[in-house]
């Protein structure tokens, strides 16, 4: 639970940095990295079930 708290704080820091410094190019990079992380985490949990289908 603490990890999610710190992760939310980190993401908030990135967005506040982009807002204050008008560095809007950093927002898509962060979103793509978060999407890749979600795919990797969810893919590692479902992989054993996919292997049994083949």
N, C-alpha and C. Protein backbone atom coordinates (compact mmCIF):
# COMPACT_ATOMS: atom_id res chain seq x y z
N UNK A 1 0.82 -1.19 0.00
CA UNK A 1 0.00 0.00 0.00
C UNK A 1 0.87 1.25 0.00
N UNK A 2 1.99 1.19 0.73
CA UNK A 2 2.89 2.34 0.76
C UNK A 2 3.49 2.60 -0.61
N UNK A 3 3.71 1.51 -1.38
CA UNK A 3 4.28 1.66 -2.71
C UNK A 3 3.36 2.49 -3.60
N UNK A 4 2.06 2.22 -3.55
CA UNK A 4 1.12 2.98 -4.36
C UNK A 4 1.06 4.44 -3.93
N UNK A 5 1.22 4.68 -2.64
CA UNK A 5 1.23 6.05 -2.14
C UNK A 5 2.42 6.81 -2.71
N UNK A 6 3.60 6.19 -2.67
CA UNK A 6 4.80 6.83 -3.19
C UNK A 6 4.76 6.95 -4.71
N UNK A 7 4.19 5.96 -5.37
CA UNK A 7 4.07 6.03 -6.83
C UNK A 7 3.15 7.16 -7.24
N UNK A 8 2.04 7.32 -6.54
CA UNK A 8 1.12 8.43 -6.83
C UNK A 8 1.78 9.77 -6.58
N UNK A 9 2.56 9.86 -5.52
CA UNK A 9 3.26 11.11 -5.23
C UNK A 9 4.30 11.42 -6.32
N UNK A 10 5.00 10.39 -6.80
CA UNK A 10 6.00 10.58 -7.85
C UNK A 10 5.36 11.05 -9.15
N UNK A 11 4.25 10.43 -9.52
CA UNK A 11 3.55 10.83 -10.74
C UNK A 11 3.03 12.26 -10.61
N UNK A 12 2.53 12.60 -9.44
CA UNK A 12 2.09 13.97 -9.19
C UNK A 12 3.22 14.97 -9.31
N UNK A 13 4.41 14.59 -8.84
CA UNK A 13 5.57 15.47 -8.95
C UNK A 13 5.93 15.70 -10.42
N UNK A 14 5.87 14.65 -11.23
CA UNK A 14 6.17 14.80 -12.66
C UNK A 14 5.19 15.75 -13.33
N UNK A 15 3.91 15.58 -13.03
CA UNK A 15 2.91 16.44 -13.66
C UNK A 15 3.01 17.88 -13.16
N UNK A 16 3.33 18.08 -11.90
CA UNK A 16 3.50 19.45 -11.41
C UNK A 16 4.75 20.08 -12.02
N UNK A 17 5.81 19.29 -12.23
CA UNK A 17 7.00 19.80 -12.91
C UNK A 17 6.67 20.23 -14.33
N UNK A 18 5.89 19.39 -15.03
CA UNK A 18 5.53 19.73 -16.41
C UNK A 18 4.65 20.97 -16.45
N UNK A 19 3.79 21.14 -15.47
CA UNK A 19 2.91 22.30 -15.43
C UNK A 19 3.69 23.58 -15.14
N UNK A 20 4.59 23.54 -14.18
CA UNK A 20 5.33 24.73 -13.79
C UNK A 20 6.36 25.15 -14.83
N UNK A 21 7.02 24.19 -15.46
CA UNK A 21 8.10 24.50 -16.40
C UNK A 21 7.64 24.46 -17.86
N UNK A 22 6.36 24.24 -18.07
CA UNK A 22 5.79 24.13 -19.41
C UNK A 22 6.54 23.10 -20.26
N UNK A 23 6.86 22.00 -19.63
CA UNK A 23 7.56 20.89 -20.30
C UNK A 23 6.53 19.83 -20.65
N UNK A 24 5.66 20.14 -21.58
CA UNK A 24 4.56 19.22 -21.92
C UNK A 24 5.04 17.98 -22.65
N UNK A 25 6.28 18.00 -23.17
CA UNK A 25 6.81 16.84 -23.87
C UNK A 25 7.05 15.67 -22.92
N UNK A 26 7.15 15.95 -21.61
CA UNK A 26 7.44 14.88 -20.66
C UNK A 26 6.19 14.05 -20.32
N UNK A 27 5.01 14.62 -20.51
CA UNK A 27 3.76 13.93 -20.15
C UNK A 27 3.54 12.68 -21.00
N UNK A 28 3.66 12.74 -22.34
CA UNK A 28 3.47 11.50 -23.12
C UNK A 28 4.52 10.43 -22.81
N UNK A 29 5.73 10.85 -22.50
CA UNK A 29 6.77 9.88 -22.16
C UNK A 29 6.40 9.13 -20.89
N UNK A 30 5.93 9.85 -19.90
CA UNK A 30 5.53 9.22 -18.64
C UNK A 30 4.34 8.29 -18.86
N UNK A 31 3.38 8.73 -19.65
CA UNK A 31 2.21 7.88 -19.90
C UNK A 31 2.57 6.60 -20.64
N UNK A 32 3.48 6.69 -21.61
CA UNK A 32 3.91 5.50 -22.34
C UNK A 32 4.68 4.55 -21.42
N UNK A 33 5.54 5.09 -20.57
CA UNK A 33 6.27 4.24 -19.63
C UNK A 33 5.33 3.54 -18.65
N UNK A 34 4.31 4.25 -18.18
CA UNK A 34 3.33 3.63 -17.29
C UNK A 34 2.54 2.54 -18.00
N UNK A 35 2.19 2.77 -19.26
CA UNK A 35 1.46 1.77 -20.04
C UNK A 35 2.31 0.52 -20.25
N UNK A 36 3.58 0.70 -20.55
CA UNK A 36 4.48 -0.44 -20.73
C UNK A 36 4.62 -1.22 -19.41
N UNK A 37 4.71 -0.51 -18.30
CA UNK A 37 4.83 -1.17 -17.01
C UNK A 37 3.58 -2.00 -16.70
N UNK A 38 2.40 -1.46 -17.01
CA UNK A 38 1.16 -2.19 -16.77
C UNK A 38 1.10 -3.44 -17.65
N UNK A 39 1.51 -3.33 -18.90
CA UNK A 39 1.48 -4.48 -19.80
C UNK A 39 2.46 -5.56 -19.33
N UNK A 40 3.64 -5.16 -18.89
CA UNK A 40 4.62 -6.14 -18.42
C UNK A 40 4.15 -6.83 -17.15
N UNK A 41 3.61 -6.06 -16.23
CA UNK A 41 3.15 -6.64 -14.97
C UNK A 41 1.96 -7.57 -15.20
N UNK A 42 1.01 -7.14 -16.02
CA UNK A 42 -0.16 -7.99 -16.26
C UNK A 42 0.20 -9.19 -17.14
N UNK A 43 1.13 -9.02 -18.05
CA UNK A 43 1.54 -10.11 -18.92
C UNK A 43 2.29 -11.20 -18.18
N UNK A 44 3.03 -10.83 -17.16
CA UNK A 44 3.78 -11.84 -16.42
C UNK A 44 2.84 -12.70 -15.57
N UNK A 45 1.70 -12.16 -15.19
CA UNK A 45 0.75 -12.93 -14.38
C UNK A 45 -0.12 -13.86 -15.21
N UNK A 46 -0.34 -13.52 -16.46
CA UNK A 46 -1.24 -14.34 -17.28
C UNK A 46 -0.46 -15.32 -18.17
N UNK A 47 0.85 -15.20 -18.24
CA UNK A 47 1.66 -16.04 -19.13
C UNK A 47 1.48 -17.54 -18.88
N UNK A 48 1.45 -18.04 -17.64
CA UNK A 48 1.29 -19.49 -17.45
C UNK A 48 -0.03 -20.02 -18.01
N UNK A 49 -1.07 -19.22 -17.99
CA UNK A 49 -2.36 -19.67 -18.52
C UNK A 49 -2.36 -19.71 -20.04
N UNK A 50 -1.62 -18.82 -20.68
CA UNK A 50 -1.53 -18.82 -22.13
C UNK A 50 -0.74 -20.04 -22.60
N UNK A 51 0.32 -20.41 -21.87
CA UNK A 51 1.13 -21.55 -22.27
C UNK A 51 0.34 -22.85 -22.23
N UNK A 52 -0.62 -22.97 -21.34
CA UNK A 52 -1.38 -24.21 -21.26
C UNK A 52 -2.37 -24.35 -22.42
N UNK A 53 -2.71 -23.23 -23.07
CA UNK A 53 -3.63 -23.32 -24.21
C UNK A 53 -2.95 -23.90 -25.45
N UNK A 54 -1.65 -23.75 -25.54
CA UNK A 54 -0.93 -24.25 -26.71
C UNK A 54 -0.21 -25.48 -26.34
